[in-house]
Amino acid sequence: MRELSLHILDIVQNSIKAEADLIIIDIEADFTADRLSVTVTDDGMGMSKELLEKVTDPFTTTRKTRNVGMGLPLFKMAAEASGGEFDISSKEGMGTVVKASFGISSIDRVPLGELEETMGILLMGSPDRDFIMNYQIRTQSGLKEFNFDTREIKEELDDIPIDEYEIISSIKTYIKENIKETNGGLVL
């Protein structure tokens, strides 16, 4: 995949298939440590120890339509290619945590991509789920952050569905502008 935001989309879709109600996406860019971390945490049904041990094997999948599952293996490969690390933990009935770190300055790190588009797709496809995105940038000047929580937005919308076109469009603009402001000119 050409962007980390597409990996995030794939992992969150796994969370949705695992019947997660709340999915948390943490993105932390620490320029002082040259490290970008992406963590997806869900409260879905989790995985057995047996499945967890082989989930990064591309020939392991829970899908019935094909014999390969490339999402997690490609995410792991992208992290390791940039000098980062990959970890996944899960407990049946408790949920799953997928975490990858990347070397920010590595020439082999794929760009972060358009998180607003990823969130728009997720909200359109799963308006009944709740998503939290925590976005942090740490530089020598300090920490800046932006937090997005669909529960707050749904409360403000009252009876208006979150997946209406105008709402999704506004949310995407809101996310894009806040990420740009948080980045302060830095490119991920």
C-alpha atoms as a PDB file:
ATOM      1  CA  MET A   1       0.000   0.000   0.000  1.00  0.00           C
ATOM      2  CA  ARG A   2       1.250   3.438  -0.861  1.00  0.00           C
ATOM      3  CA  GLU A   3       0.101   5.264   2.267  1.00  0.00           C
ATOM      4  CA  LEU A   4      -0.129   4.435   5.955  1.00  0.00           C
ATOM      5  CA  SER A   5      -3.691   5.782   5.937  1.00  0.00           C
ATOM      6  CA  LEU A   6      -4.638   2.852   3.668  1.00  0.00           C
ATOM      7  CA  HIS A   7      -3.067   0.409   6.130  1.00  0.00           C
ATOM      8  CA  ILE A   8      -5.088   2.083   8.882  1.00  0.00           C
ATOM      9  CA  LEU A   9      -8.245   1.680   6.791  1.00  0.00           C
ATOM     10  CA  ASP A  10      -7.521  -2.027   6.307  1.00  0.00           C
ATOM     11  CA  ILE A  11      -6.816  -2.653   9.991  1.00  0.00           C
ATOM     12  CA  VAL A  12      -9.927  -0.758  11.102  1.00  0.00           C
ATOM     13  CA  GLN A  13     -12.011  -2.769   8.645  1.00  0.00           C
ATOM     14  CA  ASN A  14     -10.674  -5.882  10.407  1.00  0.00           C
ATOM     15  CA  SER A  15     -11.840  -4.339  13.704  1.00  0.00           C
ATOM     16  CA  ILE A  16     -15.287  -3.733  12.244  1.00  0.00           C
ATOM     17  CA  LYS A  17     -15.483  -7.354  11.053  1.00  0.00           C
ATOM     18  CA  ALA A  18     -14.527  -8.365  14.604  1.00  0.00           C
ATOM     19  CA  GLU A  19     -17.680  -6.541  15.768  1.00  0.00           C
ATOM     20  CA  ALA A  20     -15.857  -3.721  17.553  1.00  0.00           C
ATOM     21  CA  ASP A  21     -18.074  -0.898  18.774  1.00  0.00           C
ATOM     22  CA  LEU A  22     -15.216   1.489  19.613  1.00  0.00           C
ATOM     23  CA  ILE A  23     -12.047   1.795  17.552  1.00  0.00           C
ATOM     24  CA  ILE A  24      -9.217   4.073  18.641  1.00  0.00           C
ATOM     25  CA  ILE A  25      -6.554   5.240  16.192  1.00  0.00           C
ATOM     26  CA  ASP A  26      -3.469   6.781  17.778  1.00  0.00           C
ATOM     27  CA  ILE A  27      -0.936   8.499  15.527  1.00  0.00           C
ATOM     28  CA  GLU A  28       2.145   9.884  17.243  1.00  0.00           C
ATOM     29  CA  ALA A  29       4.960  11.563  15.356  1.00  0.00           C
ATOM     30  CA  ASP A  30       7.962  12.230  17.556  1.00  0.00           C
ATOM     31  CA  PHE A  31      10.472  14.190  15.504  1.00  0.00           C
ATOM     32  CA  THR A  32      12.849  14.344  18.490  1.00  0.00           C
ATOM     33  CA  ALA A  33      13.102  10.531  18.425  1.00  0.00           C
ATOM     34  CA  ASP A  34      12.620  10.160  14.635  1.00  0.00           C
ATOM     35  CA  ARG A  35       9.683   7.840  15.279  1.00  0.00           C
ATOM     36  CA  LEU A  36       6.144   7.662  13.892  1.00  0.00           C
ATOM     37  CA  SER A  37       3.795   5.285  15.711  1.00  0.00           C
ATOM     38  CA  VAL A  38       0.414   4.070  14.536  1.00  0.00           C
ATOM     39  CA  THR A  39      -1.762   2.119  16.968  1.00  0.00           C
ATOM     40  CA  VAL A  40      -5.246   0.762  16.338  1.00  0.00           C
ATOM     41  CA  THR A  41      -7.110  -0.510  19.403  1.00  0.00           C
ATOM     42  CA  ASP A  42     -10.531  -2.119  19.288  1.00  0.00           C
ATOM     43  CA  ASP A  43     -13.022  -3.728  21.636  1.00  0.00           C
ATOM     44  CA  GLY A  44     -13.957  -6.462  19.167  1.00  0.00           C
ATOM     45  CA  MET A  45     -14.090 -10.200  19.716  1.00  0.00           C
ATOM     46  CA  GLY A  46     -10.313 -10.609  19.674  1.00  0.00           C
ATOM     47  CA  MET A  47      -8.332 -13.583  18.418  1.00  0.00           C
ATOM     48  CA  SER A  48      -7.355 -16.956  19.771  1.00  0.00           C
ATOM     49  CA  LYS A  49      -3.686 -17.534  20.672  1.00  0.00           C
ATOM     50  CA  GLU A  50      -3.392 -19.864  17.680  1.00  0.00           C
ATOM     51  CA  LEU A  51      -4.647 -17.274  15.198  1.00  0.00           C
ATOM     52  CA  LEU A  52      -2.594 -14.507  16.830  1.00  0.00           C
ATOM     53  CA  GLU A  53       0.613 -16.529  16.344  1.00  0.00           C
ATOM     54  CA  LYS A  54       0.106 -16.804  12.586  1.00  0.00           C
ATOM     55  CA  VAL A  55      -1.844 -13.629  11.757  1.00  0.00           C
ATOM     56  CA  THR A  56       1.170 -12.003  10.036  1.00  0.00           C
ATOM     57  CA  ASP A  57       1.515 -14.969   7.669  1.00  0.00           C
ATOM     58  CA  PRO A  58      -0.015 -13.890   4.332  1.00  0.00           C
ATOM     59  CA  PHE A  59      -1.535 -17.344   3.900  1.00  0.00           C
ATOM     60  CA  THR A  60      -3.544 -16.986   7.097  1.00  0.00           C
ATOM     61  CA  THR A  61      -6.934 -15.337   6.817  1.00  0.00           C
ATOM     62  CA  THR A  62     -10.403 -15.624   8.299  1.00  0.00           C
ATOM     63  CA  ARG A  63     -11.980 -14.713   4.969  1.00  0.00           C
ATOM     64  CA  LYS A  64     -14.040 -17.294   3.166  1.00  0.00           C
ATOM     65  CA  THR A  65     -13.598 -15.755  -0.307  1.00  0.00           C
ATOM     66  CA  ARG A  66      -9.824 -16.156  -0.688  1.00  0.00           C
ATOM     67  CA  ASN A  67      -6.873 -17.911   0.889  1.00  0.00           C
ATOM     68  CA  VAL A  68      -4.626 -14.926   1.568  1.00  0.00           C
ATOM     69  CA  GLY A  69      -4.704 -12.010   3.963  1.00  0.00           C
ATOM     70  CA  MET A  70      -2.130  -9.373   3.062  1.00  0.00           C
ATOM     71  CA  GLY A  71      -3.119  -6.423   5.291  1.00  0.00           C
ATOM     72  CA  LEU A  72      -1.203  -7.170   8.488  1.00  0.00           C
ATOM     73  CA  PRO A  73       1.823  -8.753   6.751  1.00  0.00           C
ATOM     74  CA  LEU A  74       2.196  -5.676   4.509  1.00  0.00           C
ATOM     75  CA  PHE A  75       1.807  -3.303   7.483  1.00  0.00           C
ATOM     76  CA  LYS A  76       4.494  -5.232   9.364  1.00  0.00           C
ATOM     77  CA  MET A  77       6.775  -5.184   6.320  1.00  0.00           C
ATOM     78  CA  ALA A  78       6.297  -1.414   5.874  1.00  0.00           C
ATOM     79  CA  ALA A  79       7.228  -0.786   9.511  1.00  0.00           C
ATOM     80  CA  GLU A  80      10.307  -2.995   9.437  1.00  0.00           C
ATOM     81  CA  ALA A  81      11.492  -1.608   6.073  1.00  0.00           C
ATOM     82  CA  SER A  82      11.711   1.858   7.651  1.00  0.00           C
ATOM     83  CA  GLY A  83      13.624   0.630  10.697  1.00  0.00           C
ATOM     84  CA  GLY A  84      10.523   0.345  12.827  1.00  0.00           C
ATOM     85  CA  GLU A  85       8.743  -2.423  14.653  1.00  0.00           C
ATOM     86  CA  PHE A  86       5.399  -4.208  14.585  1.00  0.00           C
ATOM     87  CA  ASP A  87       3.375  -5.745  17.399  1.00  0.00           C
ATOM     88  CA  ILE A  88      -0.078  -7.222  17.730  1.00  0.00           C
ATOM     89  CA  SER A  89      -1.816  -8.355  20.880  1.00  0.00           C
ATOM     90  CA  SER A  90      -5.290  -9.759  21.300  1.00  0.00           C
ATOM     91  CA  LYS A  91      -7.506 -11.533  23.790  1.00  0.00           C
ATOM     92  CA  GLU A  92     -10.647 -13.381  22.866  1.00  0.00           C
ATOM     93  CA  GLY A  93     -13.674 -11.384  23.942  1.00  0.00           C
ATOM     94  CA  MET A  94     -11.522  -8.361  24.824  1.00  0.00           C
ATOM     95  CA  GLY A  95     -10.273  -6.879  21.548  1.00  0.00           C
ATOM     96  CA  THR A  96      -7.067  -6.347  19.628  1.00  0.00           C
ATOM     97  CA  VAL A  97      -4.223  -3.828  19.576  1.00  0.00           C
ATOM     98  CA  VAL A  98      -2.116  -3.422  16.429  1.00  0.00           C
ATOM     99  CA  LYS A  99       0.929  -1.186  16.766  1.00  0.00           C
ATOM    100  CA  ALA A 100       3.618  -0.265  14.277  1.00  0.00           C
ATOM    101  CA  SER A 101       6.442   2.232  14.452  1.00  0.00           C
ATOM    102  CA  PHE A 102       8.322   3.782  11.557  1.00  0.00           C
ATOM    103  CA  GLY A 103      11.506   5.787  11.148  1.00  0.00           C
ATOM    104  CA  ILE A 104      10.242   9.245  10.192  1.00  0.00           C
ATOM    105  CA  SER A 105      13.354  10.147   8.206  1.00  0.00           C
ATOM    106  CA  SER A 106      13.727   6.729   6.573  1.00  0.00           C
ATOM    107  CA  ILE A 107      13.661   6.873   2.802  1.00  0.00           C
ATOM    108  CA  ASP A 108      11.711   3.609   2.948  1.00  0.00           C
ATOM    109  CA  ARG A 109       8.859   5.002   5.066  1.00  0.00           C
ATOM    110  CA  VAL A 110       5.652   5.355   3.121  1.00  0.00           C
ATOM    111  CA  PRO A 111       3.835   8.682   3.632  1.00  0.00           C
ATOM    112  CA  LEU A 112       1.057   8.974   6.178  1.00  0.00           C
ATOM    113  CA  GLY A 113      -1.478   9.871   3.499  1.00  0.00           C
ATOM    114  CA  GLU A 114      -4.911  11.437   3.759  1.00  0.00           C
ATOM    115  CA  LEU A 115      -6.372  10.554   7.130  1.00  0.00           C
ATOM    116  CA  GLU A 116      -9.462  12.650   6.443  1.00  0.00           C
ATOM    117  CA  GLU A 117     -10.322  10.397   3.491  1.00  0.00           C
ATOM    118  CA  THR A 118      -9.784   7.266   5.577  1.00  0.00           C
ATOM    119  CA  MET A 119     -12.045   8.598   8.314  1.00  0.00           C
ATOM    120  CA  GLY A 120     -14.665   9.634   5.741  1.00  0.00           C
ATOM    121  CA  ILE A 121     -14.733   6.117   4.279  1.00  0.00           C
ATOM    122  CA  LEU A 122     -14.999   4.566   7.730  1.00  0.00           C
ATOM    123  CA  LEU A 123     -17.856   6.856   8.765  1.00  0.00           C
ATOM    124  CA  MET A 124     -19.746   6.271   5.515  1.00  0.00           C
ATOM    125  CA  GLY A 125     -19.360   2.501   5.762  1.00  0.00           C
ATOM    126  CA  SER A 126     -19.899   2.092   9.504  1.00  0.00           C
ATOM    127  CA  PRO A 127     -21.883   5.028  10.903  1.00  0.00           C
ATOM    128  CA  ASP A 128     -23.028   2.889  13.843  1.00  0.00           C
ATOM    129  CA  ARG A 129     -19.450   2.451  15.132  1.00  0.00           C
ATOM    130  CA  ASP A 130     -17.581   4.951  17.254  1.00  0.00           C
ATOM    131  CA  PHE A 131     -14.120   6.122  16.253  1.00  0.00           C
ATOM    132  CA  ILE A 132     -11.536   8.112  18.146  1.00  0.00           C
ATOM    133  CA  MET A 133      -8.472   9.487  16.399  1.00  0.00           C
ATOM    134  CA  ASN A 134      -5.693  10.967  18.513  1.00  0.00           C
ATOM    135  CA  TYR A 135      -3.055  12.770  16.464  1.00  0.00           C
ATOM    136  CA  GLN A 136       0.138  14.059  18.112  1.00  0.00           C
ATOM    137  CA  ILE A 137       3.259  15.800  16.858  1.00  0.00           C
ATOM    138  CA  ARG A 138       6.281  16.231  19.124  1.00  0.00           C
ATOM    139  CA  THR A 139       9.147  18.506  18.095  1.00  0.00           C
ATOM    140  CA  GLN A 140      11.874  20.404  19.926  1.00  0.00           C
ATOM    141  CA  SER A 141       9.245  23.145  20.403  1.00  0.00           C
ATOM    142  CA  GLY A 142       6.883  20.856  22.293  1.00  0.00           C
ATOM    143  CA  LEU A 143       3.759  18.771  21.771  1.00  0.00           C
ATOM    144  CA  LYS A 144       0.767  19.616  19.581  1.00  0.00           C
ATOM    145  CA  GLU A 145      -2.263  17.411  19.321  1.00  0.00           C
ATOM    146  CA  PHE A 146      -5.652  17.028  17.697  1.00  0.00           C
ATOM    147  CA  ASN A 147      -8.336  14.653  18.947  1.00  0.00           C
ATOM    148  CA  PHE A 148     -11.399  13.544  17.014  1.00  0.00           C
ATOM    149  CA  ASP A 149     -14.241  11.555  18.626  1.00  0.00           C
ATOM    150  CA  THR A 150     -17.384  10.553  16.755  1.00  0.00           C
ATOM    151  CA  ARG A 151     -19.301  10.218  20.020  1.00  0.00           C
ATOM    152  CA  GLU A 152     -19.004  13.972  20.553  1.00  0.00           C
ATOM    153  CA  ILE A 153     -20.046  14.698  16.983  1.00  0.00           C
ATOM    154  CA  LYS A 154     -23.029  12.349  17.145  1.00  0.00           C
ATOM    155  CA  GLU A 155     -24.160  14.074  20.331  1.00  0.00           C
ATOM    156  CA  GLU A 156     -23.991  17.475  18.599  1.00  0.00           C
ATOM    157  CA  LEU A 157     -25.813  16.148  15.536  1.00  0.00           C
ATOM    158  CA  ASP A 158     -28.644  14.826  17.686  1.00  0.00           C
ATOM    159  CA  ASP A 159     -30.962  13.078  15.171  1.00  0.00           C
ATOM    160  CA  ILE A 160     -29.001  13.888  12.013  1.00  0.00           C
ATOM    161  CA  PRO A 161     -27.186  10.789  10.697  1.00  0.00           C
ATOM    162  CA  ILE A 162     -23.399  11.136  10.733  1.00  0.00           C
ATOM    163  CA  ASP A 163     -23.133   9.464   7.319  1.00  0.00           C
ATOM    164  CA  GLU A 164     -25.019  12.180   5.414  1.00  0.00           C
ATOM    165  CA  TYR A 165     -22.902  13.593   2.601  1.00  0.00           C
ATOM    166  CA  GLU A 166     -22.775  17.147   3.962  1.00  0.00           C
ATOM    167  CA  ILE A 167     -21.774  15.920   7.420  1.00  0.00           C
ATOM    168  CA  ILE A 168     -19.039  13.630   6.064  1.00  0.00           C
ATOM    169  CA  SER A 169     -17.737  16.442   3.868  1.00  0.00           C
ATOM    170  CA  SER A 170     -17.605  18.826   6.840  1.00  0.00           C
ATOM    171  CA  ILE A 171     -15.890  16.217   9.022  1.00  0.00           C
ATOM    172  CA  LYS A 172     -13.241  15.553   6.363  1.00  0.00           C
ATOM    173  CA  THR A 173     -12.536  19.289   6.049  1.00  0.00           C
ATOM    174  CA  TYR A 174     -12.386  19.613   9.837  1.00  0.00           C
ATOM    175  CA  ILE A 175      -9.901  16.729  10.151  1.00  0.00           C
ATOM    176  CA  LYS A 176      -7.738  17.943   7.269  1.00  0.00           C
ATOM    177  CA  GLU A 177      -7.502  21.503   8.619  1.00  0.00           C
ATOM    178  CA  ASN A 178      -6.723  20.373  12.166  1.00  0.00           C
ATOM    179  CA  ILE A 179      -4.031  17.935  11.047  1.00  0.00           C
ATOM    180  CA  LYS A 180      -2.449  20.658   8.920  1.00  0.00           C
ATOM    181  CA  GLU A 181      -2.495  23.051  11.879  1.00  0.00           C
ATOM    182  CA  THR A 182      -1.091  20.392  14.223  1.00  0.00           C
ATOM    183  CA  ASN A 183       1.697  19.564  11.759  1.00  0.00           C
ATOM    184  CA  GLY A 184       2.794  23.197  11.681  1.00  0.00           C
ATOM    185  CA  GLY A 185       4.403  22.819   8.252  1.00  0.00           C
ATOM    186  CA  LEU A 186       5.940  19.394   8.895  1.00  0.00           C
ATOM    187  CA  VAL A 187       5.246  16.683   6.332  1.00  0.00           C
ATOM    188  CA  LEU A 188       4.451  13.118   7.235  1.00  0.00           C
END
